[in-house]
């Protein structure tokens, strides 16, 4: 059987087992949130293309936070956006879908990609094409027990659940064998709408406490 070229997730992301998904109204809202998250022990964030101006802000954010955070680009649905994100220095790519042209573009760019899917066929397609991991989305529809079902026919598959993953679910997914969890609203709360950054730091620290290997997850 031919081995697959499979770029791996960045070291900090793999070690942290926690990706914070940041989806806002404007990309100029990112910086204070990233500063707070980094200070609270977060080591990987996914900035979404559904937030206007994300790729324009990316170089400056990488310069400011790249030594503290892995910065991935998410909600990628167009190969040209993927290529531009890679050229600008994104650490990894996340998509909500599994599509051949995106997977091919990631392979050509030599960047780790995490494609999204829900069915066994979608998830295996992404994994077989060389994804670093596959995103079970929306994870709240299936729950952590789904991972055991997937690993029956696909024993080596690396899974990152996303969508509706709160603090309790994060621990449950990791206990079930997920490689990382992807968390948005339950951690961010109202931080992108002028909310208390101190409260954001507290929430982030609680998630870090659950997702570190030392926590037993």
N, C-alpha and C. Protein backbone atom coordinates (compact mmCIF):
# COMPACT_ATOMS: atom_id res chain seq x y z
N UNK A 1 0.85 -1.19 0.00
CA UNK A 1 0.00 0.00 0.00
C UNK A 1 0.89 1.25 0.00
N UNK A 2 0.61 2.19 -0.86
CA UNK A 2 1.41 3.40 -0.99
C UNK A 2 1.22 4.29 0.23
N UNK A 3 2.34 4.77 0.80
CA UNK A 3 2.25 5.68 1.92
C UNK A 3 1.84 7.06 1.42
N UNK A 4 1.16 7.80 2.29
CA UNK A 4 0.62 9.11 1.93
C UNK A 4 1.48 10.20 2.53
N UNK A 5 1.80 11.22 1.72
CA UNK A 5 2.46 12.41 2.24
C UNK A 5 1.43 13.15 3.10
N UNK A 6 1.72 13.28 4.40
CA UNK A 6 0.73 13.85 5.30
C UNK A 6 1.39 14.91 6.17
N UNK A 7 1.36 16.20 5.77
CA UNK A 7 1.88 17.24 6.65
C UNK A 7 1.17 17.17 8.01
N UNK A 8 1.94 17.27 9.07
CA UNK A 8 1.35 17.16 10.41
C UNK A 8 0.96 18.54 10.94
N UNK A 9 0.08 18.53 11.93
CA UNK A 9 -0.27 19.78 12.59
C UNK A 9 0.97 20.39 13.25
N UNK A 10 1.01 21.70 13.36
CA UNK A 10 2.15 22.32 14.04
C UNK A 10 2.33 21.76 15.45
N UNK A 11 3.57 21.77 15.90
CA UNK A 11 3.91 21.12 17.17
C UNK A 11 3.12 21.68 18.34
N UNK A 12 2.98 23.00 18.41
CA UNK A 12 2.25 23.58 19.53
C UNK A 12 0.79 23.18 19.53
N UNK A 13 0.19 23.12 18.34
CA UNK A 13 -1.21 22.73 18.23
C UNK A 13 -1.41 21.29 18.67
N UNK A 14 -0.55 20.42 18.18
CA UNK A 14 -0.65 19.00 18.53
C UNK A 14 -0.47 18.79 20.03
N UNK A 15 0.46 19.52 20.63
CA UNK A 15 0.72 19.35 22.05
C UNK A 15 -0.40 19.92 22.91
N UNK A 16 -0.96 21.05 22.49
CA UNK A 16 -1.99 21.72 23.29
C UNK A 16 -3.33 20.98 23.24
N UNK A 17 -3.62 20.35 22.11
CA UNK A 17 -4.88 19.63 21.90
C UNK A 17 -6.10 20.53 22.01
N UNK A 18 -5.92 21.81 21.77
CA UNK A 18 -7.01 22.77 21.85
C UNK A 18 -6.81 23.85 20.80
N UNK A 19 -7.80 24.01 19.92
CA UNK A 19 -7.80 25.07 18.92
C UNK A 19 -8.98 26.00 19.23
N UNK A 20 -8.69 27.28 19.38
CA UNK A 20 -9.75 28.25 19.65
C UNK A 20 -10.16 28.90 18.32
N UNK A 21 -11.42 28.73 17.97
CA UNK A 21 -11.95 29.28 16.71
C UNK A 21 -12.47 30.68 16.97
N UNK A 22 -11.94 31.65 16.22
CA UNK A 22 -12.29 33.05 16.44
C UNK A 22 -13.01 33.59 15.21
N UNK A 23 -14.29 33.87 15.39
CA UNK A 23 -15.14 34.35 14.31
C UNK A 23 -15.79 35.66 14.77
N UNK A 24 -15.39 36.76 14.14
CA UNK A 24 -15.90 38.06 14.57
C UNK A 24 -16.54 38.84 13.44
N UNK A 25 -16.86 40.09 13.74
CA UNK A 25 -17.44 40.96 12.72
C UNK A 25 -16.37 41.64 11.88
N UNK A 26 -15.19 41.88 12.50
CA UNK A 26 -14.10 42.55 11.80
C UNK A 26 -12.77 41.97 12.28
N UNK A 27 -11.83 41.86 11.37
CA UNK A 27 -10.54 41.28 11.71
C UNK A 27 -9.72 42.17 12.63
N UNK A 28 -10.02 43.48 12.67
CA UNK A 28 -9.24 44.35 13.56
C UNK A 28 -9.63 44.15 15.03
N UNK A 29 -10.58 43.24 15.29
CA UNK A 29 -10.93 42.89 16.66
C UNK A 29 -10.06 41.77 17.23
N UNK A 30 -9.26 41.16 16.38
CA UNK A 30 -8.51 39.97 16.80
C UNK A 30 -7.45 40.25 17.87
N UNK A 31 -6.65 41.30 17.70
CA UNK A 31 -5.41 41.45 18.47
C UNK A 31 -5.60 41.38 19.99
N UNK A 32 -6.52 42.16 20.59
CA UNK A 32 -6.63 42.07 22.05
C UNK A 32 -7.10 40.71 22.54
N UNK A 33 -7.90 40.03 21.72
CA UNK A 33 -8.36 38.69 22.08
C UNK A 33 -7.19 37.71 22.01
N UNK A 34 -6.39 37.78 20.97
CA UNK A 34 -5.22 36.89 20.85
C UNK A 34 -4.23 37.14 21.98
N UNK A 35 -4.04 38.39 22.34
CA UNK A 35 -3.12 38.70 23.44
C UNK A 35 -3.61 38.08 24.75
N UNK A 36 -4.90 38.18 24.99
CA UNK A 36 -5.48 37.60 26.21
C UNK A 36 -5.37 36.08 26.19
N UNK A 37 -5.69 35.47 25.06
CA UNK A 37 -5.63 34.02 24.96
C UNK A 37 -4.21 33.50 25.16
N UNK A 38 -3.25 34.15 24.52
CA UNK A 38 -1.86 33.72 24.67
C UNK A 38 -1.42 33.81 26.13
N UNK A 39 -1.83 34.88 26.79
CA UNK A 39 -1.46 35.05 28.20
C UNK A 39 -2.09 34.02 29.11
N UNK A 40 -3.23 33.44 28.67
CA UNK A 40 -3.93 32.44 29.47
C UNK A 40 -3.49 31.02 29.16
N UNK A 41 -2.51 30.86 28.25
CA UNK A 41 -1.98 29.54 27.96
C UNK A 41 -2.48 28.90 26.69
N UNK A 42 -3.31 29.59 25.91
CA UNK A 42 -3.75 29.07 24.62
C UNK A 42 -2.56 29.08 23.66
N UNK A 43 -2.44 28.03 22.86
CA UNK A 43 -1.29 27.93 21.96
C UNK A 43 -1.68 27.78 20.49
N UNK A 44 -2.99 27.74 20.19
CA UNK A 44 -3.40 27.59 18.79
C UNK A 44 -4.76 28.25 18.57
N UNK A 45 -4.85 29.06 17.53
CA UNK A 45 -6.12 29.72 17.19
C UNK A 45 -6.40 29.55 15.71
N UNK A 46 -7.66 29.50 15.39
CA UNK A 46 -8.13 29.43 14.01
C UNK A 46 -8.90 30.70 13.71
N UNK A 47 -8.36 31.52 12.82
CA UNK A 47 -9.02 32.75 12.40
C UNK A 47 -9.84 32.46 11.15
N UNK A 48 -11.10 32.82 11.16
CA UNK A 48 -12.01 32.37 10.11
C UNK A 48 -12.14 33.38 8.97
N UNK A 49 -12.23 32.87 7.76
CA UNK A 49 -12.41 33.74 6.60
C UNK A 49 -13.81 34.33 6.52
N UNK A 50 -14.73 33.85 7.34
CA UNK A 50 -16.05 34.48 7.40
C UNK A 50 -15.98 35.82 8.13
N UNK A 51 -14.84 36.13 8.74
CA UNK A 51 -14.60 37.44 9.32
C UNK A 51 -13.91 38.31 8.28
N UNK A 52 -14.54 39.39 7.83
CA UNK A 52 -13.93 40.21 6.78
C UNK A 52 -12.56 40.75 7.19
N UNK A 53 -11.61 40.67 6.23
CA UNK A 53 -10.29 41.23 6.43
C UNK A 53 -9.29 40.31 7.10
N UNK A 54 -9.65 39.04 7.30
CA UNK A 54 -8.76 38.14 8.02
C UNK A 54 -7.40 38.00 7.35
N UNK A 55 -7.37 37.75 6.06
CA UNK A 55 -6.08 37.55 5.39
C UNK A 55 -5.27 38.84 5.35
N UNK A 56 -5.92 39.98 5.30
CA UNK A 56 -5.20 41.25 5.33
C UNK A 56 -4.49 41.45 6.68
N UNK A 57 -5.13 41.00 7.74
CA UNK A 57 -4.56 41.17 9.08
C UNK A 57 -3.52 40.10 9.42
N UNK A 58 -3.54 38.99 8.68
CA UNK A 58 -2.72 37.84 9.07
C UNK A 58 -1.23 38.16 9.21
N UNK A 59 -0.58 38.84 8.27
CA UNK A 59 0.86 39.07 8.43
C UNK A 59 1.21 39.80 9.72
N UNK A 60 0.45 40.83 10.05
CA UNK A 60 0.72 41.58 11.28
C UNK A 60 0.50 40.75 12.52
N UNK A 61 -0.53 39.90 12.51
CA UNK A 61 -0.80 39.05 13.66
C UNK A 61 0.28 37.99 13.82
N UNK A 62 0.77 37.45 12.71
CA UNK A 62 1.87 36.48 12.78
C UNK A 62 3.14 37.13 13.33
N UNK A 63 3.39 38.36 12.92
CA UNK A 63 4.58 39.05 13.41
C UNK A 63 4.48 39.31 14.91
N UNK A 64 3.29 39.64 15.36
CA UNK A 64 3.10 39.99 16.77
C UNK A 64 2.97 38.77 17.68
N UNK A 65 2.26 37.73 17.19
CA UNK A 65 1.93 36.62 18.07
C UNK A 65 2.50 35.27 17.63
N UNK A 66 3.19 35.25 16.49
CA UNK A 66 3.63 33.98 15.93
C UNK A 66 4.60 33.20 16.79
N UNK A 67 5.28 33.88 17.72
CA UNK A 67 6.19 33.16 18.61
C UNK A 67 5.47 32.61 19.84
N UNK A 68 4.17 32.92 19.97
CA UNK A 68 3.38 32.43 21.09
C UNK A 68 2.26 31.50 20.66
N UNK A 69 1.74 31.73 19.47
CA UNK A 69 0.56 31.01 18.99
C UNK A 69 0.79 30.42 17.61
N UNK A 70 0.24 29.22 17.39
CA UNK A 70 0.02 28.75 16.02
C UNK A 70 -1.24 29.45 15.52
N UNK A 71 -1.16 30.07 14.36
CA UNK A 71 -2.31 30.77 13.80
C UNK A 71 -2.73 30.08 12.52
N UNK A 72 -3.85 29.39 12.57
CA UNK A 72 -4.41 28.74 11.40
C UNK A 72 -5.50 29.60 10.78
N UNK A 73 -5.84 29.29 9.55
CA UNK A 73 -6.92 29.98 8.85
C UNK A 73 -8.03 28.98 8.58
N UNK A 74 -9.25 29.34 9.00
CA UNK A 74 -10.38 28.44 8.89
C UNK A 74 -11.50 28.98 8.02
N UNK A 75 -12.54 28.17 7.88
CA UNK A 75 -13.68 28.44 6.99
C UNK A 75 -13.17 28.69 5.57
N UNK A 76 -12.18 27.91 5.17
CA UNK A 76 -11.62 28.03 3.83
C UNK A 76 -12.42 27.15 2.88
N UNK A 77 -13.01 27.76 1.85
CA UNK A 77 -13.81 27.01 0.88
C UNK A 77 -13.36 27.25 -0.55
N UNK A 78 -12.31 28.04 -0.74
CA UNK A 78 -11.83 28.37 -2.07
C UNK A 78 -10.33 28.09 -2.15
N UNK A 79 -9.87 27.35 -3.17
CA UNK A 79 -8.45 27.04 -3.27
C UNK A 79 -7.55 28.27 -3.34
N UNK A 80 -8.03 29.33 -3.99
CA UNK A 80 -7.22 30.54 -4.07
C UNK A 80 -7.00 31.16 -2.70
N UNK A 81 -8.03 31.15 -1.86
CA UNK A 81 -7.88 31.65 -0.49
C UNK A 81 -6.89 30.78 0.28
N UNK A 82 -6.95 29.47 0.05
CA UNK A 82 -6.02 28.57 0.73
C UNK A 82 -4.58 28.90 0.32
N UNK A 83 -4.36 29.06 -0.97
CA UNK A 83 -3.01 29.36 -1.44
C UNK A 83 -2.50 30.68 -0.87
N UNK A 84 -3.38 31.68 -0.83
CA UNK A 84 -2.95 32.98 -0.30
C UNK A 84 -2.63 32.88 1.19
N UNK A 85 -3.46 32.14 1.94
CA UNK A 85 -3.21 31.97 3.37
C UNK A 85 -1.85 31.30 3.59
N UNK A 86 -1.57 30.29 2.78
CA UNK A 86 -0.29 29.59 2.91
C UNK A 86 0.87 30.51 2.57
N UNK A 87 0.71 31.29 1.52
CA UNK A 87 1.78 32.22 1.11
C UNK A 87 2.04 33.27 2.18
N UNK A 88 1.00 33.67 2.90
CA UNK A 88 1.13 34.69 3.94
C UNK A 88 1.71 34.13 5.24
N UNK A 89 1.80 32.80 5.32
CA UNK A 89 2.45 32.21 6.49
C UNK A 89 1.55 31.51 7.47
N UNK A 90 0.28 31.29 7.11
CA UNK A 90 -0.61 30.56 8.01
C UNK A 90 0.02 29.24 8.41
N UNK A 91 -0.19 28.84 9.66
CA UNK A 91 0.44 27.62 10.16
C UNK A 91 -0.32 26.36 9.77
N UNK A 92 -1.61 26.47 9.51
CA UNK A 92 -2.42 25.33 9.06
C UNK A 92 -3.73 25.87 8.50
N UNK A 93 -4.47 24.98 7.84
CA UNK A 93 -5.74 25.34 7.18
C UNK A 93 -6.85 24.45 7.74
N UNK A 94 -8.02 25.04 7.97
CA UNK A 94 -9.20 24.28 8.38
C UNK A 94 -10.34 24.62 7.42
N UNK A 95 -11.07 23.60 6.99
CA UNK A 95 -12.23 23.82 6.14
C UNK A 95 -13.45 23.15 6.78
N UNK A 96 -14.65 23.65 6.50
CA UNK A 96 -15.85 23.00 7.03
C UNK A 96 -16.32 21.84 6.15
N UNK A 97 -15.61 21.61 5.05
CA UNK A 97 -16.05 20.64 4.05
C UNK A 97 -14.88 19.74 3.65
N UNK A 98 -15.19 18.69 2.92
CA UNK A 98 -14.17 17.83 2.32
C UNK A 98 -14.33 17.90 0.81
N UNK A 99 -13.35 18.55 0.14
CA UNK A 99 -13.45 18.74 -1.30
C UNK A 99 -12.08 18.56 -1.92
N UNK A 100 -12.04 17.86 -3.04
CA UNK A 100 -10.77 17.47 -3.64
C UNK A 100 -9.88 18.66 -4.00
N UNK A 101 -10.47 19.75 -4.52
CA UNK A 101 -9.62 20.85 -4.95
C UNK A 101 -8.94 21.54 -3.77
N UNK A 102 -9.58 21.56 -2.61
CA UNK A 102 -8.95 22.13 -1.43
C UNK A 102 -7.82 21.23 -0.92
N UNK A 103 -8.08 19.94 -0.90
CA UNK A 103 -7.07 19.00 -0.45
C UNK A 103 -5.86 19.02 -1.39
N UNK A 104 -6.12 19.11 -2.69
CA UNK A 104 -5.02 19.18 -3.66
C UNK A 104 -4.21 20.47 -3.48
N UNK A 105 -4.91 21.58 -3.25
CA UNK A 105 -4.21 22.86 -3.07
C UNK A 105 -3.34 22.84 -1.83
N UNK A 106 -3.81 22.20 -0.76
CA UNK A 106 -3.01 22.10 0.46
C UNK A 106 -1.77 21.24 0.22
N UNK A 107 -1.94 20.16 -0.51
CA UNK A 107 -0.80 19.30 -0.83
C UNK A 107 0.24 20.06 -1.63
N UNK A 108 -0.23 20.82 -2.63
CA UNK A 108 0.69 21.60 -3.47
C UNK A 108 1.43 22.66 -2.64
N UNK A 109 0.71 23.25 -1.68
CA UNK A 109 1.32 24.30 -0.85
C UNK A 109 2.16 23.73 0.29
N UNK A 110 2.03 22.43 0.54
CA UNK A 110 2.78 21.81 1.62
C UNK A 110 2.34 22.23 3.00
N UNK A 111 1.04 22.52 3.14
CA UNK A 111 0.52 22.99 4.42
C UNK A 111 -0.46 21.97 4.99
N UNK A 112 -0.46 21.82 6.31
CA UNK A 112 -1.39 20.91 6.96
C UNK A 112 -2.82 21.41 6.81
N UNK A 113 -3.72 20.47 6.50
CA UNK A 113 -5.12 20.82 6.34
C UNK A 113 -5.99 19.89 7.18
N UNK A 114 -7.04 20.47 7.76
CA UNK A 114 -8.02 19.72 8.54
C UNK A 114 -9.39 19.93 7.87
N UNK A 115 -9.81 19.00 7.00
CA UNK A 115 -11.10 19.14 6.33
C UNK A 115 -12.23 18.67 7.23
N UNK A 116 -13.40 19.26 7.03
CA UNK A 116 -14.55 18.91 7.85
C UNK A 116 -15.49 17.95 7.18
N UNK A 117 -16.13 17.13 7.99
CA UNK A 117 -17.13 16.20 7.49
C UNK A 117 -17.87 15.59 8.67
N UNK A 118 -18.91 14.83 8.37
CA UNK A 118 -19.68 14.19 9.43
C UNK A 118 -19.83 12.70 9.18
N UNK A 119 -20.02 12.32 7.92
CA UNK A 119 -20.24 10.91 7.62
C UNK A 119 -18.91 10.17 7.53
N UNK A 120 -18.92 8.85 7.70
CA UNK A 120 -17.69 8.08 7.52
C UNK A 120 -17.06 8.29 6.15
N UNK A 121 -17.88 8.39 5.11
CA UNK A 121 -17.34 8.58 3.76
C UNK A 121 -16.59 9.90 3.64
N UNK A 122 -17.18 10.98 4.16
CA UNK A 122 -16.53 12.29 4.10
C UNK A 122 -15.23 12.29 4.88
N UNK A 123 -15.27 11.76 6.09
CA UNK A 123 -14.09 11.79 6.95
C UNK A 123 -12.97 10.92 6.38
N UNK A 124 -13.32 9.76 5.87
CA UNK A 124 -12.29 8.90 5.29
C UNK A 124 -11.71 9.50 4.02
N UNK A 125 -12.53 10.17 3.23
CA UNK A 125 -12.03 10.81 2.02
C UNK A 125 -10.95 11.83 2.35
N UNK A 126 -11.19 12.65 3.36
CA UNK A 126 -10.21 13.64 3.75
C UNK A 126 -8.95 13.01 4.30
N UNK A 127 -9.11 12.00 5.13
CA UNK A 127 -7.97 11.33 5.73
C UNK A 127 -7.13 10.62 4.67
N UNK A 128 -7.79 9.92 3.75
CA UNK A 128 -7.08 9.19 2.71
C UNK A 128 -6.34 10.11 1.75
N UNK A 129 -6.79 11.37 1.66
CA UNK A 129 -6.15 12.33 0.77
C UNK A 129 -4.94 13.02 1.41
N UNK A 130 -4.65 12.68 2.67
CA UNK A 130 -3.45 13.23 3.29
C UNK A 130 -3.69 14.33 4.29
N UNK A 131 -4.92 14.46 4.80
CA UNK A 131 -5.19 15.47 5.81
C UNK A 131 -4.38 15.20 7.08
N UNK A 132 -4.01 16.29 7.78
CA UNK A 132 -3.31 16.14 9.05
C UNK A 132 -4.22 15.53 10.10
N UNK A 133 -5.51 15.87 10.02
CA UNK A 133 -6.56 15.32 10.86
C UNK A 133 -7.87 15.65 10.16
N UNK A 134 -8.96 15.08 10.62
CA UNK A 134 -10.26 15.42 10.05
C UNK A 134 -11.13 16.03 11.14
N UNK A 135 -11.93 16.99 10.74
CA UNK A 135 -12.79 17.70 11.68
C UNK A 135 -14.19 17.11 11.64
N UNK A 136 -14.63 16.55 12.75
CA UNK A 136 -16.02 16.08 12.85
C UNK A 136 -16.89 17.29 13.14
N UNK A 137 -17.70 17.65 12.16
CA UNK A 137 -18.50 18.87 12.26
C UNK A 137 -19.90 18.65 11.68
N UNK A 138 -20.95 19.02 12.44
CA UNK A 138 -20.93 19.53 13.81
C UNK A 138 -20.87 18.39 14.83
N UNK A 139 -19.90 18.48 15.73
CA UNK A 139 -19.65 17.40 16.67
C UNK A 139 -20.81 17.14 17.61
N UNK A 140 -21.60 18.18 17.90
CA UNK A 140 -22.70 18.03 18.84
C UNK A 140 -23.78 17.08 18.33
N UNK A 141 -23.79 16.82 17.03
CA UNK A 141 -24.79 15.93 16.45
C UNK A 141 -24.50 14.46 16.79
N UNK A 142 -23.23 14.13 16.97
CA UNK A 142 -22.86 12.73 17.15
C UNK A 142 -22.35 12.41 18.55
N UNK A 143 -21.53 13.25 19.14
CA UNK A 143 -21.00 13.00 20.47
C UNK A 143 -19.76 12.14 20.45
N UNK A 144 -19.04 12.08 21.60
CA UNK A 144 -17.75 11.40 21.67
C UNK A 144 -17.79 9.91 21.32
N UNK A 145 -18.92 9.25 21.53
CA UNK A 145 -19.00 7.83 21.20
C UNK A 145 -18.80 7.53 19.73
N UNK A 146 -18.99 8.54 18.90
CA UNK A 146 -18.81 8.39 17.45
C UNK A 146 -17.37 8.04 17.10
N UNK A 147 -16.44 8.50 17.95
CA UNK A 147 -15.02 8.26 17.65
C UNK A 147 -14.69 6.78 17.67
N UNK A 148 -15.25 6.05 18.62
CA UNK A 148 -15.02 4.61 18.67
C UNK A 148 -15.57 3.94 17.42
N UNK A 149 -16.74 4.40 16.96
CA UNK A 149 -17.32 3.83 15.75
C UNK A 149 -16.43 4.08 14.54
N UNK A 150 -15.85 5.27 14.45
CA UNK A 150 -14.97 5.60 13.32
C UNK A 150 -13.68 4.79 13.35
N UNK A 151 -13.14 4.61 14.54
CA UNK A 151 -11.84 3.96 14.65
C UNK A 151 -11.95 2.45 14.42
N UNK A 152 -13.16 1.92 14.38
CA UNK A 152 -13.30 0.51 14.01
C UNK A 152 -12.79 0.27 12.60
N UNK A 153 -13.42 0.88 11.59
CA UNK A 153 -12.94 0.69 10.22
C UNK A 153 -11.72 1.54 9.86
N UNK A 154 -11.49 2.64 10.59
CA UNK A 154 -10.39 3.56 10.28
C UNK A 154 -9.51 3.71 11.52
N UNK A 155 -8.71 2.71 11.86
CA UNK A 155 -8.01 2.72 13.15
C UNK A 155 -7.00 3.85 13.33
N UNK A 156 -6.43 4.36 12.26
CA UNK A 156 -5.39 5.38 12.42
C UNK A 156 -5.88 6.80 12.29
N UNK A 157 -7.15 7.00 12.07
CA UNK A 157 -7.66 8.32 11.74
C UNK A 157 -7.52 9.28 12.93
N UNK A 158 -7.09 10.51 12.63
CA UNK A 158 -6.94 11.54 13.67
C UNK A 158 -8.14 12.47 13.58
N UNK A 159 -8.77 12.70 14.71
CA UNK A 159 -10.06 13.39 14.73
C UNK A 159 -10.02 14.62 15.63
N UNK A 160 -10.58 15.72 15.12
CA UNK A 160 -10.75 16.94 15.90
C UNK A 160 -12.23 17.32 15.85
N UNK A 161 -12.98 17.18 16.93
CA UNK A 161 -14.38 17.57 16.93
C UNK A 161 -14.53 19.09 16.98
N UNK A 162 -15.55 19.60 16.31
CA UNK A 162 -15.80 21.03 16.27
C UNK A 162 -17.30 21.27 16.16
N UNK A 163 -17.76 22.31 16.83
CA UNK A 163 -19.18 22.64 16.76
C UNK A 163 -19.93 22.17 18.00
N UNK A 164 -20.20 23.11 18.91
CA UNK A 164 -20.93 22.77 20.12
C UNK A 164 -20.08 22.09 21.18
N UNK A 165 -18.76 22.26 21.12
CA UNK A 165 -17.87 21.63 22.10
C UNK A 165 -17.67 22.59 23.28
N UNK A 166 -18.32 22.29 24.40
CA UNK A 166 -18.14 23.09 25.60
C UNK A 166 -17.09 22.45 26.49
N UNK A 167 -16.94 22.96 27.71
CA UNK A 167 -15.88 22.48 28.59
C UNK A 167 -16.04 20.99 28.91
N UNK A 168 -17.25 20.58 29.23
CA UNK A 168 -17.50 19.18 29.56
C UNK A 168 -17.27 18.28 28.35
N UNK A 169 -17.77 18.71 27.19
CA UNK A 169 -17.61 17.91 25.97
C UNK A 169 -16.15 17.81 25.55
N UNK A 170 -15.38 18.88 25.78
CA UNK A 170 -13.96 18.85 25.43
C UNK A 170 -13.26 17.72 26.15
N UNK A 171 -13.49 17.61 27.45
CA UNK A 171 -12.88 16.53 28.21
C UNK A 171 -13.35 15.17 27.75
N UNK A 172 -14.64 15.05 27.43
CA UNK A 172 -15.19 13.76 27.01
C UNK A 172 -14.61 13.31 25.67
N UNK A 173 -14.48 14.24 24.73
CA UNK A 173 -13.92 13.90 23.43
C UNK A 173 -12.45 13.46 23.56
N UNK A 174 -11.70 14.16 24.39
CA UNK A 174 -10.30 13.80 24.56
C UNK A 174 -10.16 12.46 25.28
N UNK A 175 -11.01 12.22 26.26
CA UNK A 175 -10.99 10.92 26.92
C UNK A 175 -11.32 9.80 25.94
N UNK A 176 -12.16 10.12 24.94
CA UNK A 176 -12.54 9.13 23.94
C UNK A 176 -11.45 8.91 22.89
N UNK A 177 -10.43 9.77 22.90
CA UNK A 177 -9.31 9.57 21.99
C UNK A 177 -9.15 10.61 20.90
N UNK A 178 -9.90 11.71 20.95
CA UNK A 178 -9.71 12.78 19.97
C UNK A 178 -8.30 13.34 20.08
N UNK A 179 -7.75 13.77 18.95
CA UNK A 179 -6.40 14.31 18.94
C UNK A 179 -6.35 15.74 19.45
N UNK A 180 -7.46 16.45 19.31
CA UNK A 180 -7.58 17.82 19.82
C UNK A 180 -9.07 18.16 19.77
N UNK A 181 -9.43 19.28 20.36
CA UNK A 181 -10.80 19.78 20.26
C UNK A 181 -10.75 21.20 19.71
N UNK A 182 -11.78 21.55 18.96
CA UNK A 182 -11.92 22.88 18.38
C UNK A 182 -13.09 23.57 19.07
N UNK A 183 -12.81 24.72 19.69
CA UNK A 183 -13.79 25.37 20.55
C UNK A 183 -13.96 26.83 20.15
N UNK A 184 -15.20 27.27 20.05
CA UNK A 184 -15.47 28.66 19.72
C UNK A 184 -16.22 29.37 20.81
N UNK A 185 -17.53 29.52 20.62
CA UNK A 185 -18.37 30.31 21.51
C UNK A 185 -18.27 29.98 22.99
N UNK A 186 -18.26 28.71 23.38
CA UNK A 186 -18.19 28.40 24.81
C UNK A 186 -16.94 28.96 25.50
N UNK A 187 -15.87 29.19 24.75
CA UNK A 187 -14.67 29.78 25.33
C UNK A 187 -14.63 31.29 25.11
N UNK A 188 -14.96 31.73 23.90
CA UNK A 188 -14.84 33.15 23.59
C UNK A 188 -15.91 34.00 24.26
N UNK A 189 -17.13 33.46 24.38
CA UNK A 189 -18.21 34.24 24.96
C UNK A 189 -18.43 35.52 24.18
N UNK A 190 -18.48 36.66 24.89
CA UNK A 190 -18.74 37.95 24.25
C UNK A 190 -17.47 38.77 24.06
N UNK A 191 -16.31 38.10 24.07
CA UNK A 191 -15.04 38.83 24.02
C UNK A 191 -14.88 39.69 22.77
N UNK A 192 -15.43 39.23 21.65
CA UNK A 192 -15.30 39.99 20.41
C UNK A 192 -16.34 41.10 20.29
N UNK A 193 -17.18 41.21 21.28
CA UNK A 193 -18.21 42.27 21.28
C UNK A 193 -18.02 43.20 22.47
N UNK A 194 -16.78 43.35 22.89
CA UNK A 194 -16.48 44.26 23.98
C UNK A 194 -16.60 43.64 25.36
N UNK A 195 -16.69 42.33 25.43
CA UNK A 195 -16.83 41.66 26.71
C UNK A 195 -15.56 41.73 27.56
N UNK A 196 -15.68 41.31 28.79
CA UNK A 196 -14.61 41.36 29.77
C UNK A 196 -13.47 40.42 29.38
N UNK A 197 -12.28 40.97 29.10
CA UNK A 197 -11.15 40.14 28.71
C UNK A 197 -10.60 39.34 29.89
N UNK A 198 -10.80 39.83 31.08
CA UNK A 198 -10.41 39.05 32.26
C UNK A 198 -11.24 37.78 32.37
N UNK A 199 -12.53 37.89 32.07
CA UNK A 199 -13.40 36.71 32.09
C UNK A 199 -13.00 35.75 30.98
N UNK A 200 -12.59 36.30 29.83
CA UNK A 200 -12.10 35.46 28.73
C UNK A 200 -10.87 34.68 29.18
N UNK A 201 -9.96 35.34 29.85
CA UNK A 201 -8.75 34.67 30.32
C UNK A 201 -9.09 33.54 31.29
N UNK A 202 -10.08 33.76 32.15
CA UNK A 202 -10.50 32.72 33.10
C UNK A 202 -11.08 31.52 32.37
N UNK A 203 -11.93 31.78 31.36
CA UNK A 203 -12.52 30.67 30.59
C UNK A 203 -11.44 29.90 29.85
N UNK A 204 -10.51 30.65 29.24
CA UNK A 204 -9.42 30.00 28.50
C UNK A 204 -8.59 29.12 29.43
N UNK A 205 -8.29 29.61 30.60
CA UNK A 205 -7.49 28.83 31.55
C UNK A 205 -8.21 27.55 31.95
N UNK A 206 -9.53 27.60 32.08
CA UNK A 206 -10.28 26.38 32.42
C UNK A 206 -10.18 25.36 31.30
N UNK A 207 -10.29 25.81 30.05
CA UNK A 207 -10.17 24.88 28.93
C UNK A 207 -8.75 24.31 28.84
N UNK A 208 -7.76 25.14 29.08
CA UNK A 208 -6.38 24.65 29.07
C UNK A 208 -6.20 23.59 30.14
N UNK A 209 -6.81 23.81 31.30
CA UNK A 209 -6.72 22.83 32.38
C UNK A 209 -7.31 21.48 32.02
N UNK A 210 -8.38 21.50 31.20
CA UNK A 210 -9.04 20.25 30.79
C UNK A 210 -8.29 19.55 29.66
N UNK A 211 -7.66 20.32 28.79
CA UNK A 211 -7.11 19.72 27.57
C UNK A 211 -5.64 19.34 27.69
N UNK A 212 -4.93 19.81 28.70
CA UNK A 212 -3.53 19.39 28.86
C UNK A 212 -3.47 17.92 29.24
N UNK A 213 -2.45 17.25 28.76
CA UNK A 213 -2.30 15.83 29.06
C UNK A 213 -2.16 15.57 30.55
N UNK A 214 -1.60 16.54 31.25
CA UNK A 214 -1.43 16.36 32.69
C UNK A 214 -2.77 16.30 33.42
N UNK A 215 -3.83 16.82 32.75
CA UNK A 215 -5.16 16.78 33.36
C UNK A 215 -5.74 15.37 33.32
N UNK A 216 -5.09 14.47 32.59
CA UNK A 216 -5.54 13.09 32.54
C UNK A 216 -6.48 12.78 31.40
N UNK A 217 -6.75 13.80 30.55
CA UNK A 217 -7.65 13.59 29.42
C UNK A 217 -6.95 12.78 28.34
